[in-house]
Amino acid sequence: MRKKVENIINKIKPMLEADGGSIELVDVDEKKGVVKVKLVGACGACPFSVMTLKNLVEKTIKEEIPEVKEVLSA
């Protein structure tokens, strides 16, 4: 599952980099279906980072990997 998540994050990165930010994969808990990521750069300090995390990152990962139940900020 980790490799699948990494591939999806690599697809999301260019969108975040266009706004001066990025994303790093921190952990994948396959048993709980939880992915932990860290928004960095402009995305890390942005007041909309929670929306980015849930509406872009979590939504995209869950659409492609149904086993993922939640994406959290690390």
PDB file of N, CA and C in Angstrom:
ATOM      1  N   MET A   1       0.823  -1.193   0.000  1.00  0.00           N
ATOM      2  CA  MET A   1       0.000   0.000   0.000  1.00  0.00           C
ATOM      3  C   MET A   1       0.873   1.265   0.000  1.00  0.00           C
ATOM      4  N   ARG A   2       1.999   1.211   0.684  1.00  0.00           N
ATOM      5  CA  ARG A   2       2.855   2.398   0.770  1.00  0.00           C
ATOM      6  C   ARG A   2       3.269   2.900  -0.616  1.00  0.00           C
ATOM      7  N   LYS A   3       3.625   1.978  -1.495  1.00  0.00           N
ATOM      8  CA  LYS A   3       4.058   2.364  -2.841  1.00  0.00           C
ATOM      9  C   LYS A   3       2.917   3.043  -3.595  1.00  0.00           C
ATOM     10  N   LYS A   4       1.698   2.545  -3.440  1.00  0.00           N
ATOM     11  CA  LYS A   4       0.537   3.161  -4.085  1.00  0.00           C
ATOM     12  C   LYS A   4       0.342   4.584  -3.584  1.00  0.00           C
ATOM     13  N   VAL A   5       0.466   4.770  -2.262  1.00  0.00           N
ATOM     14  CA  VAL A   5       0.305   6.096  -1.673  1.00  0.00           C
ATOM     15  C   VAL A   5       1.395   7.036  -2.195  1.00  0.00           C
ATOM     16  N   GLU A   6       2.621   6.547  -2.265  1.00  0.00           N
ATOM     17  CA  GLU A   6       3.726   7.359  -2.785  1.00  0.00           C
ATOM     18  C   GLU A   6       3.443   7.811  -4.215  1.00  0.00           C
ATOM     19  N   ASN A   7       2.918   6.919  -5.039  1.00  0.00           N
ATOM     20  CA  ASN A   7       2.603   7.260  -6.424  1.00  0.00           C
ATOM     21  C   ASN A   7       1.541   8.355  -6.502  1.00  0.00           C
ATOM     22  N   ILE A   8       0.533   8.269  -5.660  1.00  0.00           N
ATOM     23  CA  ILE A   8      -0.527   9.281  -5.656  1.00  0.00           C
ATOM     24  C   ILE A   8       0.018  10.620  -5.171  1.00  0.00           C
ATOM     25  N   ILE A   9       0.835  10.588  -4.141  1.00  0.00           N
ATOM     26  CA  ILE A   9       1.430  11.825  -3.629  1.00  0.00           C
ATOM     27  C   ILE A   9       2.293  12.481  -4.707  1.00  0.00           C
ATOM     28  N   ASN A  10       2.989  11.686  -5.483  1.00  0.00           N
ATOM     29  CA  ASN A  10       3.798  12.236  -6.574  1.00  0.00           C
ATOM     30  C   ASN A  10       2.938  12.901  -7.639  1.00  0.00           C
ATOM     31  N   LYS A  11       1.698  12.461  -7.790  1.00  0.00           N
ATOM     32  CA  LYS A  11       0.763  13.105  -8.721  1.00  0.00           C
ATOM     33  C   LYS A  11       0.246  14.424  -8.147  1.00  0.00           C
ATOM     34  N   ILE A  12       0.084  14.480  -6.828  1.00  0.00           N
ATOM     35  CA  ILE A  12      -0.453  15.667  -6.152  1.00  0.00           C
ATOM     36  C   ILE A  12       0.612  16.766  -6.019  1.00  0.00           C
ATOM     37  N   LYS A  13       1.865  16.371  -5.850  1.00  0.00           N
ATOM     38  CA  LYS A  13       2.960  17.319  -5.594  1.00  0.00           C
ATOM     39  C   LYS A  13       3.009  18.509  -6.556  1.00  0.00           C
ATOM     40  N   PRO A  14       2.906  18.300  -7.865  1.00  0.00           N
ATOM     41  CA  PRO A  14       3.005  19.454  -8.771  1.00  0.00           C
ATOM     42  C   PRO A  14       1.943  20.526  -8.507  1.00  0.00           C
ATOM     43  N   MET A  15       0.762  20.121  -8.087  1.00  0.00           N
ATOM     44  CA  MET A  15      -0.289  21.099  -7.775  1.00  0.00           C
ATOM     45  C   MET A  15       0.107  21.951  -6.574  1.00  0.00           C
ATOM     46  N   LEU A  16       0.678  21.311  -5.583  1.00  0.00           N
ATOM     47  CA  LEU A  16       1.098  22.035  -4.381  1.00  0.00           C
ATOM     48  C   LEU A  16       2.337  22.884  -4.654  1.00  0.00           C
ATOM     49  N   GLU A  17       3.244  22.352  -5.459  1.00  0.00           N
ATOM     50  CA  GLU A  17       4.459  23.089  -5.787  1.00  0.00           C
ATOM     51  C   GLU A  17       4.151  24.349  -6.588  1.00  0.00           C
ATOM     52  N   ALA A  18       3.072  24.329  -7.347  1.00  0.00           N
ATOM     53  CA  ALA A  18       2.668  25.514  -8.109  1.00  0.00           C
ATOM     54  C   ALA A  18       2.313  26.677  -7.182  1.00  0.00           C
ATOM     55  N   ASP A  19       1.942  26.363  -5.939  1.00  0.00           N
ATOM     56  CA  ASP A  19       1.606  27.386  -4.946  1.00  0.00           C
ATOM     57  C   ASP A  19       2.724  27.592  -3.927  1.00  0.00           C
ATOM     58  N   GLY A  20       3.901  27.028  -4.195  1.00  0.00           N
ATOM     59  CA  GLY A  20       5.039  27.227  -3.311  1.00  0.00           C
ATOM     60  C   GLY A  20       5.136  26.241  -2.165  1.00  0.00           C
ATOM     61  N   GLY A  21       4.379  25.170  -2.220  1.00  0.00           N
ATOM     62  CA  GLY A  21       4.403  24.177  -1.147  1.00  0.00           C
ATOM     63  C   GLY A  21       4.764  22.809  -1.655  1.00  0.00           C
ATOM     64  N   SER A  22       4.623  21.835  -0.788  1.00  0.00           N
ATOM     65  CA  SER A  22       4.873  20.453  -1.165  1.00  0.00           C
ATOM     66  C   SER A  22       4.276  19.541  -0.100  1.00  0.00           C
ATOM     67  N   ILE A  23       4.474  18.259  -0.281  1.00  0.00           N
ATOM     68  CA  ILE A  23       3.941  17.267   0.650  1.00  0.00           C
ATOM     69  C   ILE A  23       4.952  16.148   0.810  1.00  0.00           C
ATOM     70  N   GLU A  24       5.048  15.629   2.035  1.00  0.00           N
ATOM     71  CA  GLU A  24       5.939  14.515   2.322  1.00  0.00           C
ATOM     72  C   GLU A  24       5.140  13.398   2.977  1.00  0.00           C
ATOM     73  N   LEU A  25       5.395  12.177   2.566  1.00  0.00           N
ATOM     74  CA  LEU A  25       4.772  11.016   3.195  1.00  0.00           C
ATOM     75  C   LEU A  25       5.535  10.687   4.460  1.00  0.00           C
ATOM     76  N   VAL A  26       4.828  10.584   5.584  1.00  0.00           N
ATOM     77  CA  VAL A  26       5.450  10.301   6.866  1.00  0.00           C
ATOM     78  C   VAL A  26       5.270   8.840   7.253  1.00  0.00           C
ATOM     79  N   ASP A  27       4.034   8.321   7.135  1.00  0.00           N
ATOM     80  CA  ASP A  27       3.768   6.962   7.582  1.00  0.00           C
ATOM     81  C   ASP A  27       2.513   6.414   6.917  1.00  0.00           C
ATOM     82  N   VAL A  28       2.479   5.099   6.758  1.00  0.00           N
ATOM     83  CA  VAL A  28       1.295   4.398   6.267  1.00  0.00           C
ATOM     84  C   VAL A  28       1.030   3.253   7.234  1.00  0.00           C
ATOM     85  N   ASP A  29      -0.123   3.299   7.904  1.00  0.00           N
ATOM     86  CA  ASP A  29      -0.532   2.226   8.812  1.00  0.00           C
ATOM     87  C   ASP A  29      -1.577   1.393   8.080  1.00  0.00           C
ATOM     88  N   GLU A  30      -1.128   0.297   7.488  1.00  0.00           N
ATOM     89  CA  GLU A  30      -2.022  -0.526   6.669  1.00  0.00           C
ATOM     90  C   GLU A  30      -3.131  -1.162   7.492  1.00  0.00           C
ATOM     91  N   LYS A  31      -2.855  -1.517   8.747  1.00  0.00           N
ATOM     92  CA  LYS A  31      -3.867  -2.158   9.588  1.00  0.00           C
ATOM     93  C   LYS A  31      -5.022  -1.213   9.893  1.00  0.00           C
ATOM     94  N   LYS A  32      -4.712   0.038  10.185  1.00  0.00           N
ATOM     95  CA  LYS A  32      -5.748   1.022  10.525  1.00  0.00           C
ATOM     96  C   LYS A  32      -6.253   1.775   9.304  1.00  0.00           C
ATOM     97  N   GLY A  33      -5.536   1.694   8.195  1.00  0.00           N
ATOM     98  CA  GLY A  33      -5.926   2.431   7.000  1.00  0.00           C
ATOM     99  C   GLY A  33      -5.672   3.922   7.142  1.00  0.00           C
ATOM    100  N   VAL A  34      -4.601   4.276   7.876  1.00  0.00           N
ATOM    101  CA  VAL A  34      -4.293   5.680   8.135  1.00  0.00           C
ATOM    102  C   VAL A  34      -2.983   6.055   7.454  1.00  0.00           C
ATOM    103  N   VAL A  35      -3.020   7.178   6.752  1.00  0.00           N
ATOM    104  CA  VAL A  35      -1.836   7.720   6.101  1.00  0.00           C
ATOM    105  C   VAL A  35      -1.495   9.034   6.789  1.00  0.00           C
ATOM    106  N   LYS A  36      -0.225   9.215   7.114  1.00  0.00           N
ATOM    107  CA  LYS A  36       0.221  10.476   7.715  1.00  0.00           C
ATOM    108  C   LYS A  36       1.133  11.190   6.730  1.00  0.00           C
ATOM    109  N   VAL A  37       0.837  12.467   6.515  1.00  0.00           N
ATOM    110  CA  VAL A  37       1.625  13.281   5.604  1.00  0.00           C
ATOM    111  C   VAL A  37       1.995  14.593   6.284  1.00  0.00           C
ATOM    112  N   LYS A  38       2.953  15.265   5.700  1.00  0.00           N
ATOM    113  CA  LYS A  38       3.351  16.581   6.210  1.00  0.00           C
ATOM    114  C   LYS A  38       3.311  17.559   5.043  1.00  0.00           C
ATOM    115  N   LEU A  39       2.517  18.612   5.194  1.00  0.00           N
ATOM    116  CA  LEU A  39       2.503  19.678   4.206  1.00  0.00           C
ATOM    117  C   LEU A  39       3.644  20.616   4.556  1.00  0.00           C
ATOM    118  N   VAL A  40       4.458  20.964   3.574  1.00  0.00           N
ATOM    119  CA  VAL A  40       5.638  21.791   3.819  1.00  0.00           C
ATOM    120  C   VAL A  40       5.641  23.017   2.905  1.00  0.00           C
ATOM    121  N   GLY A  41       6.572  23.921   3.189  1.00  0.00           N
ATOM    122  CA  GLY A  41       6.663  25.151   2.408  1.00  0.00           C
ATOM    123  C   GLY A  41       5.444  26.017   2.657  1.00  0.00           C
ATOM    124  N   ALA A  42       4.970  26.669   1.623  1.00  0.00           N
ATOM    125  CA  ALA A  42       3.808  27.547   1.751  1.00  0.00           C
ATOM    126  C   ALA A  42       2.574  26.779   2.225  1.00  0.00           C
ATOM    127  N   CYS A  43       2.474  25.516   1.865  1.00  0.00           N
ATOM    128  CA  CYS A  43       1.306  24.712   2.271  1.00  0.00           C
ATOM    129  C   CYS A  43       1.300  24.444   3.777  1.00  0.00           C
ATOM    130  N   GLY A  44       2.466  24.347   4.368  1.00  0.00           N
ATOM    131  CA  GLY A  44       2.547  24.077   5.800  1.00  0.00           C
ATOM    132  C   GLY A  44       2.055  25.236   6.644  1.00  0.00           C
ATOM    133  N   ALA A  45       2.228  26.456   6.151  1.00  0.00           N
ATOM    134  CA  ALA A  45       1.838  27.650   6.912  1.00  0.00           C
ATOM    135  C   ALA A  45       0.522  28.251   6.435  1.00  0.00           C
ATOM    136  N   CYS A  46      -0.051  27.688   5.415  1.00  0.00           N
ATOM    137  CA  CYS A  46      -1.272  28.242   4.823  1.00  0.00           C
ATOM    138  C   CYS A  46      -2.478  28.025   5.735  1.00  0.00           C
ATOM    139  N   PRO A  47      -3.336  29.049   5.880  1.00  0.00           N
ATOM    140  CA  PRO A  47      -4.527  28.871   6.704  1.00  0.00           C
ATOM    141  C   PRO A  47      -5.518  27.863   6.101  1.00  0.00           C
ATOM    142  N   PHE A  48      -5.346  27.536   4.842  1.00  0.00           N
ATOM    143  CA  PHE A  48      -6.233  26.575   4.182  1.00  0.00           C
ATOM    144  C   PHE A  48      -5.634  25.175   4.126  1.00  0.00           C
ATOM    145  N   SER A  49      -4.575  24.931   4.896  1.00  0.00           N
ATOM    146  CA  SER A  49      -3.894  23.635   4.824  1.00  0.00           C
ATOM    147  C   SER A  49      -4.799  22.473   5.209  1.00  0.00           C
ATOM    148  N   VAL A  50      -5.709  22.678   6.162  1.00  0.00           N
ATOM    149  CA  VAL A  50      -6.628  21.602   6.550  1.00  0.00           C
ATOM    150  C   VAL A  50      -7.551  21.264   5.383  1.00  0.00           C
ATOM    151  N   MET A  51      -8.015  22.295   4.685  1.00  0.00           N
ATOM    152  CA  MET A  51      -8.868  22.053   3.522  1.00  0.00           C
ATOM    153  C   MET A  51      -8.092  21.332   2.429  1.00  0.00           C
ATOM    154  N   THR A  52      -6.850  21.731   2.208  1.00  0.00           N
ATOM    155  CA  THR A  52      -6.011  21.066   1.207  1.00  0.00           C
ATOM    156  C   THR A  52      -5.820  19.604   1.582  1.00  0.00           C
ATOM    157  N   LEU A  53      -5.552  19.361   2.858  1.00  0.00           N
ATOM    158  CA  LEU A  53      -5.327  17.996   3.323  1.00  0.00           C
ATOM    159  C   LEU A  53      -6.556  17.125   3.100  1.00  0.00           C
ATOM    160  N   LYS A  54      -7.724  17.607   3.491  1.00  0.00           N
ATOM    161  CA  LYS A  54      -8.938  16.800   3.401  1.00  0.00           C
ATOM    162  C   LYS A  54      -9.527  16.776   1.988  1.00  0.00           C
ATOM    163  N   ASN A  55      -9.639  17.953   1.353  1.00  0.00           N
ATOM    164  CA  ASN A  55     -10.338  18.035   0.069  1.00  0.00           C
ATOM    165  C   ASN A  55      -9.502  17.614  -1.130  1.00  0.00           C
ATOM    166  N   LEU A  56      -8.201  17.709  -1.024  1.00  0.00           N
ATOM    167  CA  LEU A  56      -7.355  17.303  -2.148  1.00  0.00           C
ATOM    168  C   LEU A  56      -6.628  15.999  -1.838  1.00  0.00           C
ATOM    169  N   VAL A  57      -5.809  16.017  -0.814  1.00  0.00           N
ATOM    170  CA  VAL A  57      -4.946  14.870  -0.530  1.00  0.00           C
ATOM    171  C   VAL A  57      -5.761  13.649  -0.112  1.00  0.00           C
ATOM    172  N   GLU A  58      -6.562  13.777   0.944  1.00  0.00           N
ATOM    173  CA  GLU A  58      -7.331  12.631   1.436  1.00  0.00           C
ATOM    174  C   GLU A  58      -8.307  12.124   0.381  1.00  0.00           C
ATOM    175  N   LYS A  59      -9.003  13.020  -0.254  1.00  0.00           N
ATOM    176  CA  LYS A  59      -9.992  12.621  -1.267  1.00  0.00           C
ATOM    177  C   LYS A  59      -9.327  11.842  -2.410  1.00  0.00           C
ATOM    178  N   THR A  60      -8.208  12.347  -2.889  1.00  0.00           N
ATOM    179  CA  THR A  60      -7.511  11.697  -4.000  1.00  0.00           C
ATOM    180  C   THR A  60      -6.998  10.317  -3.604  1.00  0.00           C
ATOM    181  N   ILE A  61      -6.390  10.225  -2.427  1.00  0.00           N
ATOM    182  CA  ILE A  61      -5.861   8.934  -1.981  1.00  0.00           C
ATOM    183  C   ILE A  61      -6.987   7.929  -1.761  1.00  0.00           C
ATOM    184  N   LYS A  62      -8.067   8.348  -1.105  1.00  0.00           N
ATOM    185  CA  LYS A  62      -9.180   7.428  -0.825  1.00  0.00           C
ATOM    186  C   LYS A  62      -9.876   6.961  -2.094  1.00  0.00           C
ATOM    187  N   GLU A  63      -9.928   7.812  -3.115  1.00  0.00           N
ATOM    188  CA  GLU A  63     -10.552   7.411  -4.382  1.00  0.00           C
ATOM    189  C   GLU A  63      -9.769   6.277  -5.048  1.00  0.00           C
ATOM    190  N   GLU A  64      -8.450   6.336  -4.941  1.00  0.00           N
ATOM    191  CA  GLU A  64      -7.617   5.341  -5.604  1.00  0.00           C
ATOM    192  C   GLU A  64      -7.279   4.131  -4.728  1.00  0.00           C
ATOM    193  N   ILE A  65      -7.328   4.333  -3.405  1.00  0.00           N
ATOM    194  CA  ILE A  65      -7.023   3.244  -2.472  1.00  0.00           C
ATOM    195  C   ILE A  65      -8.145   3.183  -1.424  1.00  0.00           C
ATOM    196  N   PRO A  66      -9.204   2.438  -1.688  1.00  0.00           N
ATOM    197  CA  PRO A  66     -10.347   2.380  -0.770  1.00  0.00           C
ATOM    198  C   PRO A  66     -10.006   1.895   0.640  1.00  0.00           C
ATOM    199  N   GLU A  67      -8.888   1.174   0.786  1.00  0.00           N
ATOM    200  CA  GLU A  67      -8.498   0.682   2.109  1.00  0.00           C
ATOM    201  C   GLU A  67      -8.082   1.817   3.047  1.00  0.00           C
ATOM    202  N   VAL A  68      -7.731   2.960   2.476  1.00  0.00           N
ATOM    203  CA  VAL A  68      -7.345   4.116   3.294  1.00  0.00           C
ATOM    204  C   VAL A  68      -8.613   4.748   3.874  1.00  0.00           C
ATOM    205  N   LYS A  69      -8.630   4.848   5.179  1.00  0.00           N
ATOM    206  CA  LYS A  69      -9.801   5.397   5.883  1.00  0.00           C
ATOM    207  C   LYS A  69      -9.628   6.874   6.218  1.00  0.00           C
ATOM    208  N   GLU A  70      -8.364   7.297   6.420  1.00  0.00           N
ATOM    209  CA  GLU A  70      -8.124   8.670   6.858  1.00  0.00           C
ATOM    210  C   GLU A  70      -6.700   9.092   6.502  1.00  0.00           C
ATOM    211  N   VAL A  71      -6.560  10.393   6.196  1.00  0.00           N
ATOM    212  CA  VAL A  71      -5.248  10.982   5.989  1.00  0.00           C
ATOM    213  C   VAL A  71      -5.082  12.066   7.042  1.00  0.00           C
ATOM    214  N   LEU A  72      -4.001  11.971   7.807  1.00  0.00           N
ATOM    215  CA  LEU A  72      -3.756  12.912   8.893  1.00  0.00           C
ATOM    216  C   LEU A  72      -2.479  13.706   8.652  1.00  0.00           C
ATOM    217  N   SER A  73      -2.440  14.894   9.245  1.00  0.00           N
ATOM    218  CA  SER A  73      -1.238  15.706   9.203  1.00  0.00           C
ATOM    219  C   SER A  73      -0.298  15.257  10.316  1.00  0.00           C
ATOM    220  N   ALA A  74       0.955  15.096   9.972  1.00  0.00           N
ATOM    221  CA  ALA A  74       1.935  14.637  10.964  1.00  0.00           C
ATOM    222  C   ALA A  74       2.701  15.815  11.547  1.00  0.00           C
TER     223      ALA A  74
END
